């Protein structure tokens, strides 16, 4: 499940970013030319075995080569590169 604004398309038009909802999907990068499986699963807490939180919003910040995401049950915002 994708919730809120938890989806963005990169400037290249080929890469999709999604933020998961209730099924612990977390942040995922997809190649729109081959959308069967995600290119990358980005863990919110990489050093924890806790389930992924629900992502409220996510966005590519291309000029900084970053992804910004927010959740409701953790710190307000995280940046990933």
PDB file of N, CA and C in Angstrom:
ATOM      1  N   UNK A   1       0.846  -1.180   0.000  1.00  0.00           N
ATOM      2  CA  UNK A   1       0.000   0.000   0.000  1.00  0.00           C
ATOM      3  C   UNK A   1       0.885   1.235   0.000  1.00  0.00           C
ATOM      4  N   UNK A   2       0.605   2.186  -0.863  1.00  0.00           N
ATOM      5  CA  UNK A   2       1.300   3.468  -0.884  1.00  0.00           C
ATOM      6  C   UNK A   2       0.374   4.489  -0.260  1.00  0.00           C
ATOM      7  N   UNK A   3       0.889   5.279   0.679  1.00  0.00           N
ATOM      8  CA  UNK A   3       0.039   6.235   1.367  1.00  0.00           C
ATOM      9  C   UNK A   3       0.491   7.666   1.118  1.00  0.00           C
ATOM     10  N   UNK A   4      -0.468   8.571   1.053  1.00  0.00           N
ATOM     11  CA  UNK A   4      -0.156   9.991   0.907  1.00  0.00           C
ATOM     12  C   UNK A   4       0.662  10.286  -0.328  1.00  0.00           C
ATOM     13  N   UNK A   5       1.677  11.103  -0.175  1.00  0.00           N
ATOM     14  CA  UNK A   5       2.547  11.491  -1.274  1.00  0.00           C
ATOM     15  C   UNK A   5       3.798  10.625  -1.306  1.00  0.00           C
ATOM     16  N   UNK A   6       3.656   9.345  -1.062  1.00  0.00           N
ATOM     17  CA  UNK A   6       4.808   8.455  -0.955  1.00  0.00           C
ATOM     18  C   UNK A   6       5.234   7.879  -2.293  1.00  0.00           C
ATOM     19  N   UNK A   7       5.282   8.724  -3.297  1.00  0.00           N
ATOM     20  CA  UNK A   7       5.724   8.298  -4.609  1.00  0.00           C
ATOM     21  C   UNK A   7       6.346   9.494  -5.326  1.00  0.00           C
ATOM     22  N   UNK A   8       7.442   9.250  -6.053  1.00  0.00           N
ATOM     23  CA  UNK A   8       8.095  10.302  -6.832  1.00  0.00           C
ATOM     24  C   UNK A   8       8.806   9.643  -8.009  1.00  0.00           C
ATOM     25  N   UNK A   9       8.921  10.363  -9.109  1.00  0.00           N
ATOM     26  CA  UNK A   9       9.628   9.886 -10.291  1.00  0.00           C
ATOM     27  C   UNK A   9      10.864  10.746 -10.489  1.00  0.00           C
ATOM     28  N   UNK A  10      12.004  10.097 -10.719  1.00  0.00           N
ATOM     29  CA  UNK A  10      13.261  10.814 -10.940  1.00  0.00           C
ATOM     30  C   UNK A  10      13.195  11.603 -12.240  1.00  0.00           C
ATOM     31  N   UNK A  11      14.059  12.595 -12.347  1.00  0.00           N
ATOM     32  CA  UNK A  11      14.129  13.419 -13.557  1.00  0.00           C
ATOM     33  C   UNK A  11      14.422  12.603 -14.808  1.00  0.00           C
ATOM     34  N   UNK A  12      15.085  11.451 -14.649  1.00  0.00           N
ATOM     35  CA  UNK A  12      15.393  10.620 -15.820  1.00  0.00           C
ATOM     36  C   UNK A  12      14.157   9.923 -16.388  1.00  0.00           C
ATOM     37  N   UNK A  13      13.027   9.972 -15.654  1.00  0.00           N
ATOM     38  CA  UNK A  13      11.786   9.351 -16.110  1.00  0.00           C
ATOM     39  C   UNK A  13      11.789   7.846 -16.067  1.00  0.00           C
ATOM     40  N   UNK A  14      12.832   7.245 -15.515  1.00  0.00           N
ATOM     41  CA  UNK A  14      12.963   5.786 -15.503  1.00  0.00           C
ATOM     42  C   UNK A  14      12.957   5.192 -14.105  1.00  0.00           C
ATOM     43  N   UNK A  15      13.132   6.028 -13.088  1.00  0.00           N
ATOM     44  CA  UNK A  15      13.255   5.523 -11.722  1.00  0.00           C
ATOM     45  C   UNK A  15      12.113   6.064 -10.870  1.00  0.00           C
ATOM     46  N   UNK A  16      11.439   5.147 -10.193  1.00  0.00           N
ATOM     47  CA  UNK A  16      10.317   5.481  -9.321  1.00  0.00           C
ATOM     48  C   UNK A  16      10.736   5.234  -7.878  1.00  0.00           C
ATOM     49  N   UNK A  17      10.340   6.122  -6.990  1.00  0.00           N
ATOM     50  CA  UNK A  17      10.567   5.985  -5.550  1.00  0.00           C
ATOM     51  C   UNK A  17       9.213   5.817  -4.894  1.00  0.00           C
ATOM     52  N   UNK A  18       9.067   4.773  -4.066  1.00  0.00           N
ATOM     53  CA  UNK A  18       7.816   4.580  -3.324  1.00  0.00           C
ATOM     54  C   UNK A  18       8.111   4.409  -1.852  1.00  0.00           C
ATOM     55  N   UNK A  19       7.182   4.859  -1.052  1.00  0.00           N
ATOM     56  CA  UNK A  19       7.245   4.673   0.396  1.00  0.00           C
ATOM     57  C   UNK A  19       6.095   3.806   0.821  1.00  0.00           C
ATOM     58  N   UNK A  20       6.403   2.721   1.517  1.00  0.00           N
ATOM     59  CA  UNK A  20       5.396   1.734   1.873  1.00  0.00           C
ATOM     60  C   UNK A  20       4.516   2.138   3.029  1.00  0.00           C
ATOM     61  N   UNK A  21       3.401   1.468   3.106  1.00  0.00           N
ATOM     62  CA  UNK A  21       2.412   1.711   4.138  1.00  0.00           C
ATOM     63  C   UNK A  21       2.400   0.626   5.181  1.00  0.00           C
ATOM     64  N   UNK A  22       1.269  -0.024   5.316  1.00  0.00           N
ATOM     65  CA  UNK A  22       1.037  -0.941   6.425  1.00  0.00           C
ATOM     66  C   UNK A  22       1.728  -2.290   6.298  1.00  0.00           C
ATOM     67  N   UNK A  23       2.247  -2.645   5.155  1.00  0.00           N
ATOM     68  CA  UNK A  23       2.869  -3.965   4.981  1.00  0.00           C
ATOM     69  C   UNK A  23       4.384  -3.935   5.113  1.00  0.00           C
ATOM     70  N   UNK A  24       4.928  -2.901   5.726  1.00  0.00           N
ATOM     71  CA  UNK A  24       6.359  -2.790   6.007  1.00  0.00           C
ATOM     72  C   UNK A  24       7.220  -2.791   4.752  1.00  0.00           C
ATOM     73  N   UNK A  25       6.734  -2.161   3.682  1.00  0.00           N
ATOM     74  CA  UNK A  25       7.505  -2.100   2.446  1.00  0.00           C
ATOM     75  C   UNK A  25       8.706  -1.177   2.561  1.00  0.00           C
ATOM     76  N   UNK A  26       8.630  -0.147   3.362  1.00  0.00           N
ATOM     77  CA  UNK A  26       9.717   0.817   3.485  1.00  0.00           C
ATOM     78  C   UNK A  26       9.888   1.616   2.210  1.00  0.00           C
ATOM     79  N   UNK A  27      11.068   2.172   2.009  1.00  0.00           N
ATOM     80  CA  UNK A  27      11.386   2.919   0.788  1.00  0.00           C
ATOM     81  C   UNK A  27      11.912   1.954  -0.260  1.00  0.00           C
ATOM     82  N   UNK A  28      11.431   2.109  -1.492  1.00  0.00           N
ATOM     83  CA  UNK A  28      11.884   1.243  -2.568  1.00  0.00           C
ATOM     84  C   UNK A  28      12.125   2.063  -3.829  1.00  0.00           C
ATOM     85  N   UNK A  29      13.192   1.705  -4.541  1.00  0.00           N
ATOM     86  CA  UNK A  29      13.477   2.277  -5.857  1.00  0.00           C
ATOM     87  C   UNK A  29      13.110   1.243  -6.911  1.00  0.00           C
ATOM     88  N   UNK A  30      12.461   1.692  -7.987  1.00  0.00           N
ATOM     89  CA  UNK A  30      11.996   0.820  -9.052  1.00  0.00           C
ATOM     90  C   UNK A  30      12.504   1.321 -10.395  1.00  0.00           C
ATOM     91  N   UNK A  31      12.824   0.401 -11.287  1.00  0.00           N
ATOM     92  CA  UNK A  31      13.127   0.727 -12.676  1.00  0.00           C
ATOM     93  C   UNK A  31      11.817   0.547 -13.449  1.00  0.00           C
ATOM     94  N   UNK A  32      11.270   1.653 -13.971  1.00  0.00           N
ATOM     95  CA  UNK A  32       9.982   1.587 -14.643  1.00  0.00           C
ATOM     96  C   UNK A  32      10.019   0.768 -15.931  1.00  0.00           C
ATOM     97  N   UNK A  33      11.206   0.480 -16.447  1.00  0.00           N
ATOM     98  CA  UNK A  33      11.320  -0.364 -17.635  1.00  0.00           C
ATOM     99  C   UNK A  33      11.198  -1.838 -17.279  1.00  0.00           C
ATOM    100  N   UNK A  34      11.368  -2.183 -15.985  1.00  0.00           N
ATOM    101  CA  UNK A  34      11.271  -3.562 -15.510  1.00  0.00           C
ATOM    102  C   UNK A  34      10.711  -3.525 -14.085  1.00  0.00           C
ATOM    103  N   UNK A  35       9.391  -3.310 -13.936  1.00  0.00           N
ATOM    104  CA  UNK A  35       8.817  -3.053 -12.616  1.00  0.00           C
ATOM    105  C   UNK A  35       8.425  -4.285 -11.795  1.00  0.00           C
ATOM    106  N   UNK A  36       8.903  -5.465 -12.161  1.00  0.00           N
ATOM    107  CA  UNK A  36       8.511  -6.674 -11.425  1.00  0.00           C
ATOM    108  C   UNK A  36       9.031  -6.689  -9.989  1.00  0.00           C
ATOM    109  N   UNK A  37      10.268  -6.285  -9.789  1.00  0.00           N
ATOM    110  CA  UNK A  37      10.853  -6.268  -8.449  1.00  0.00           C
ATOM    111  C   UNK A  37      11.604  -4.952  -8.257  1.00  0.00           C
ATOM    112  N   UNK A  38      11.684  -4.468  -7.021  1.00  0.00           N
ATOM    113  CA  UNK A  38      12.400  -3.209  -6.793  1.00  0.00           C
ATOM    114  C   UNK A  38      13.901  -3.349  -7.067  1.00  0.00           C
ATOM    115  N   UNK A  39      14.492  -2.250  -7.534  1.00  0.00           N
ATOM    116  CA  UNK A  39      15.953  -2.197  -7.702  1.00  0.00           C
ATOM    117  C   UNK A  39      16.644  -2.205  -6.352  1.00  0.00           C
ATOM    118  N   UNK A  40      16.033  -1.524  -5.385  1.00  0.00           N
ATOM    119  CA  UNK A  40      16.666  -1.333  -4.082  1.00  0.00           C
ATOM    120  C   UNK A  40      15.609  -1.158  -3.012  1.00  0.00           C
ATOM    121  N   UNK A  41      15.786  -1.825  -1.884  1.00  0.00           N
ATOM    122  CA  UNK A  41      14.982  -1.616  -0.684  1.00  0.00           C
ATOM    123  C   UNK A  41      15.840  -0.830   0.293  1.00  0.00           C
ATOM    124  N   UNK A  42      15.352   0.315   0.712  1.00  0.00           N
ATOM    125  CA  UNK A  42      16.101   1.181   1.628  1.00  0.00           C
ATOM    126  C   UNK A  42      15.500   1.033   3.015  1.00  0.00           C
ATOM    127  N   UNK A  43      16.281   0.516   3.957  1.00  0.00           N
ATOM    128  CA  UNK A  43      15.788   0.329   5.329  1.00  0.00           C
ATOM    129  C   UNK A  43      15.812   1.650   6.084  1.00  0.00           C
ATOM    130  N   UNK A  44      14.734   1.940   6.790  1.00  0.00           N
ATOM    131  CA  UNK A  44      14.643   3.147   7.609  1.00  0.00           C
ATOM    132  C   UNK A  44      15.650   3.082   8.750  1.00  0.00           C
ATOM    133  N   UNK A  45      15.723   1.936   9.395  1.00  0.00           N
ATOM    134  CA  UNK A  45      16.682   1.695  10.481  1.00  0.00           C
ATOM    135  C   UNK A  45      17.568   0.522  10.074  1.00  0.00           C
ATOM    136  N   UNK A  46      18.661   0.779   9.373  1.00  0.00           N
ATOM    137  CA  UNK A  46      19.456  -0.317   8.811  1.00  0.00           C
ATOM    138  C   UNK A  46      20.094  -1.234   9.844  1.00  0.00           C
ATOM    139  N   UNK A  47      20.239  -0.792  11.074  1.00  0.00           N
ATOM    140  CA  UNK A  47      20.886  -1.616  12.099  1.00  0.00           C
ATOM    141  C   UNK A  47      19.879  -2.195  13.089  1.00  0.00           C
ATOM    142  N   UNK A  48      18.629  -2.296  12.655  1.00  0.00           N
ATOM    143  CA  UNK A  48      17.574  -2.782  13.527  1.00  0.00           C
ATOM    144  C   UNK A  48      16.741  -3.829  12.793  1.00  0.00           C
ATOM    145  N   UNK A  49      16.197  -4.762  13.548  1.00  0.00           N
ATOM    146  CA  UNK A  49      15.292  -5.756  12.979  1.00  0.00           C
ATOM    147  C   UNK A  49      13.831  -5.360  13.150  1.00  0.00           C
ATOM    148  N   UNK A  50      13.585  -4.131  13.591  1.00  0.00           N
ATOM    149  CA  UNK A  50      12.215  -3.657  13.748  1.00  0.00           C
ATOM    150  C   UNK A  50      11.556  -3.549  12.374  1.00  0.00           C
ATOM    151  N   UNK A  51      10.223  -3.690  12.317  1.00  0.00           N
ATOM    152  CA  UNK A  51       9.540  -3.550  11.029  1.00  0.00           C
ATOM    153  C   UNK A  51       9.699  -2.130  10.476  1.00  0.00           C
ATOM    154  N   UNK A  52       9.593  -2.009   9.160  1.00  0.00           N
ATOM    155  CA  UNK A  52       9.668  -0.701   8.523  1.00  0.00           C
ATOM    156  C   UNK A  52       8.461   0.135   8.950  1.00  0.00           C
ATOM    157  N   UNK A  53       8.649   1.435   9.176  1.00  0.00           N
ATOM    158  CA  UNK A  53       7.511   2.291   9.515  1.00  0.00           C
ATOM    159  C   UNK A  53       6.714   2.648   8.262  1.00  0.00           C
ATOM    160  N   UNK A  54       5.520   3.173   8.459  1.00  0.00           N
ATOM    161  CA  UNK A  54       4.733   3.694   7.344  1.00  0.00           C
ATOM    162  C   UNK A  54       5.347   5.008   6.887  1.00  0.00           C
ATOM    163  N   UNK A  55       5.666   5.097   5.619  1.00  0.00           N
ATOM    164  CA  UNK A  55       6.271   6.303   5.058  1.00  0.00           C
ATOM    165  C   UNK A  55       5.155   7.261   4.666  1.00  0.00           C
ATOM    166  N   UNK A  56       5.174   8.476   5.214  1.00  0.00           N
ATOM    167  CA  UNK A  56       4.152   9.470   4.884  1.00  0.00           C
ATOM    168  C   UNK A  56       4.429  10.153   3.558  1.00  0.00           C
ATOM    169  N   UNK A  57       5.676  10.444   3.288  1.00  0.00           N
ATOM    170  CA  UNK A  57       6.028  11.082   2.018  1.00  0.00           C
ATOM    171  C   UNK A  57       7.489  10.792   1.710  1.00  0.00           C
ATOM    172  N   UNK A  58       7.808  10.823   0.422  1.00  0.00           N
ATOM    173  CA  UNK A  58       9.185  10.628  -0.013  1.00  0.00           C
ATOM    174  C   UNK A  58       9.398  11.420  -1.296  1.00  0.00           C
ATOM    175  N   UNK A  59      10.632  11.825  -1.489  1.00  0.00           N
ATOM    176  CA  UNK A  59      10.930  12.720  -2.604  1.00  0.00           C
ATOM    177  C   UNK A  59      12.382  12.594  -3.028  1.00  0.00           C
ATOM    178  N   UNK A  60      12.634  12.609  -4.339  1.00  0.00           N
ATOM    179  CA  UNK A  60      13.989  12.735  -4.858  1.00  0.00           C
ATOM    180  C   UNK A  60      14.414  14.199  -4.731  1.00  0.00           C
ATOM    181  N   UNK A  61      15.629  14.442  -4.246  1.00  0.00           N
ATOM    182  CA  UNK A  61      16.246  15.762  -4.284  1.00  0.00           C
ATOM    183  C   UNK A  61      17.466  15.581  -5.185  1.00  0.00           C
ATOM    184  N   UNK A  62      17.246  15.676  -6.477  1.00  0.00           N
ATOM    185  CA  UNK A  62      18.245  15.267  -7.468  1.00  0.00           C
ATOM    186  C   UNK A  62      19.499  16.138  -7.452  1.00  0.00           C
ATOM    187  N   UNK A  63      19.349  17.427  -7.245  1.00  0.00           N
ATOM    188  CA  UNK A  63      20.539  18.288  -7.279  1.00  0.00           C
ATOM    189  C   UNK A  63      21.519  17.958  -6.161  1.00  0.00           C
ATOM    190  N   UNK A  64      21.036  17.262  -5.122  1.00  0.00           N
ATOM    191  CA  UNK A  64      21.892  16.841  -4.005  1.00  0.00           C
ATOM    192  C   UNK A  64      22.120  15.333  -3.992  1.00  0.00           C
ATOM    193  N   UNK A  65      21.594  14.624  -4.979  1.00  0.00           N
ATOM    194  CA  UNK A  65      21.670  13.156  -5.035  1.00  0.00           C
ATOM    195  C   UNK A  65      21.169  12.522  -3.743  1.00  0.00           C
ATOM    196  N   UNK A  66      19.996  12.979  -3.293  1.00  0.00           N
ATOM    197  CA  UNK A  66      19.433  12.486  -2.038  1.00  0.00           C
ATOM    198  C   UNK A  66      17.971  12.111  -2.198  1.00  0.00           C
ATOM    199  N   UNK A  67      17.513  11.317  -1.246  1.00  0.00           N
ATOM    200  CA  UNK A  67      16.099  11.014  -1.074  1.00  0.00           C
ATOM    201  C   UNK A  67      15.725  11.525   0.313  1.00  0.00           C
ATOM    202  N   UNK A  68      14.587  12.187   0.420  1.00  0.00           N
ATOM    203  CA  UNK A  68      14.078  12.671   1.697  1.00  0.00           C
ATOM    204  C   UNK A  68      12.771  11.937   1.960  1.00  0.00           C
ATOM    205  N   UNK A  69      12.585  11.469   3.193  1.00  0.00           N
ATOM    206  CA  UNK A  69      11.363  10.756   3.544  1.00  0.00           C
ATOM    207  C   UNK A  69      10.942  11.109   4.961  1.00  0.00           C
ATOM    208  N   UNK A  70       9.631  11.031   5.213  1.00  0.00           N
ATOM    209  CA  UNK A  70       9.086  11.282   6.543  1.00  0.00           C
ATOM    210  C   UNK A  70       8.192  10.124   6.967  1.00  0.00           C
ATOM    211  N   UNK A  71       8.112   9.923   8.274  1.00  0.00           N
ATOM    212  CA  UNK A  71       7.206   8.928   8.849  1.00  0.00           C
ATOM    213  C   UNK A  71       6.510   9.552  10.052  1.00  0.00           C
ATOM    214  N   UNK A  72       5.415   8.935  10.475  1.00  0.00           N
ATOM    215  CA  UNK A  72       4.666   9.491  11.596  1.00  0.00           C
ATOM    216  C   UNK A  72       5.116   8.944  12.941  1.00  0.00           C
ATOM    217  N   UNK A  73       5.793   7.793  12.951  1.00  0.00           N
ATOM    218  CA  UNK A  73       6.115   7.161  14.227  1.00  0.00           C
ATOM    219  C   UNK A  73       7.601   7.142  14.539  1.00  0.00           C
ATOM    220  N   UNK A  74       8.381   8.058  13.989  1.00  0.00           N
ATOM    221  CA  UNK A  74       9.812   8.151  14.226  1.00  0.00           C
ATOM    222  C   UNK A  74      10.198   9.619  14.130  1.00  0.00           C
ATOM    223  N   UNK A  75      11.476   9.886  13.961  1.00  0.00           N
ATOM    224  CA  UNK A  75      11.891  11.271  13.804  1.00  0.00           C
ATOM    225  C   UNK A  75      11.198  11.876  12.584  1.00  0.00           C
ATOM    226  N   UNK A  76      11.155  13.180  12.502  1.00  0.00           N
ATOM    227  CA  UNK A  76      10.355  13.870  11.487  1.00  0.00           C
ATOM    228  C   UNK A  76      10.798  13.585  10.051  1.00  0.00           C
ATOM    229  N   UNK A  77      12.126  13.546   9.816  1.00  0.00           N
ATOM    230  CA  UNK A  77      12.586  13.400   8.444  1.00  0.00           C
ATOM    231  C   UNK A  77      13.944  12.706   8.427  1.00  0.00           C
ATOM    232  N   UNK A  78      14.204  11.948   7.357  1.00  0.00           N
ATOM    233  CA  UNK A  78      15.524  11.353   7.148  1.00  0.00           C
ATOM    234  C   UNK A  78      15.935  11.596   5.707  1.00  0.00           C
ATOM    235  N   UNK A  79      17.240  11.732   5.504  1.00  0.00           N
ATOM    236  CA  UNK A  79      17.806  11.879   4.166  1.00  0.00           C
ATOM    237  C   UNK A  79      18.680  10.666   3.872  1.00  0.00           C
ATOM    238  N   UNK A  80      18.589  10.167   2.650  1.00  0.00           N
ATOM    239  CA  UNK A  80      19.378   9.034   2.201  1.00  0.00           C
ATOM    240  C   UNK A  80      20.101   9.427   0.919  1.00  0.00           C
ATOM    241  N   UNK A  81      21.345   8.950   0.754  1.00  0.00           N
ATOM    242  CA  UNK A  81      22.037   9.218  -0.511  1.00  0.00           C
ATOM    243  C   UNK A  81      22.542   7.934  -1.110  1.00  0.00           C
TER     244      UNK A  81
END
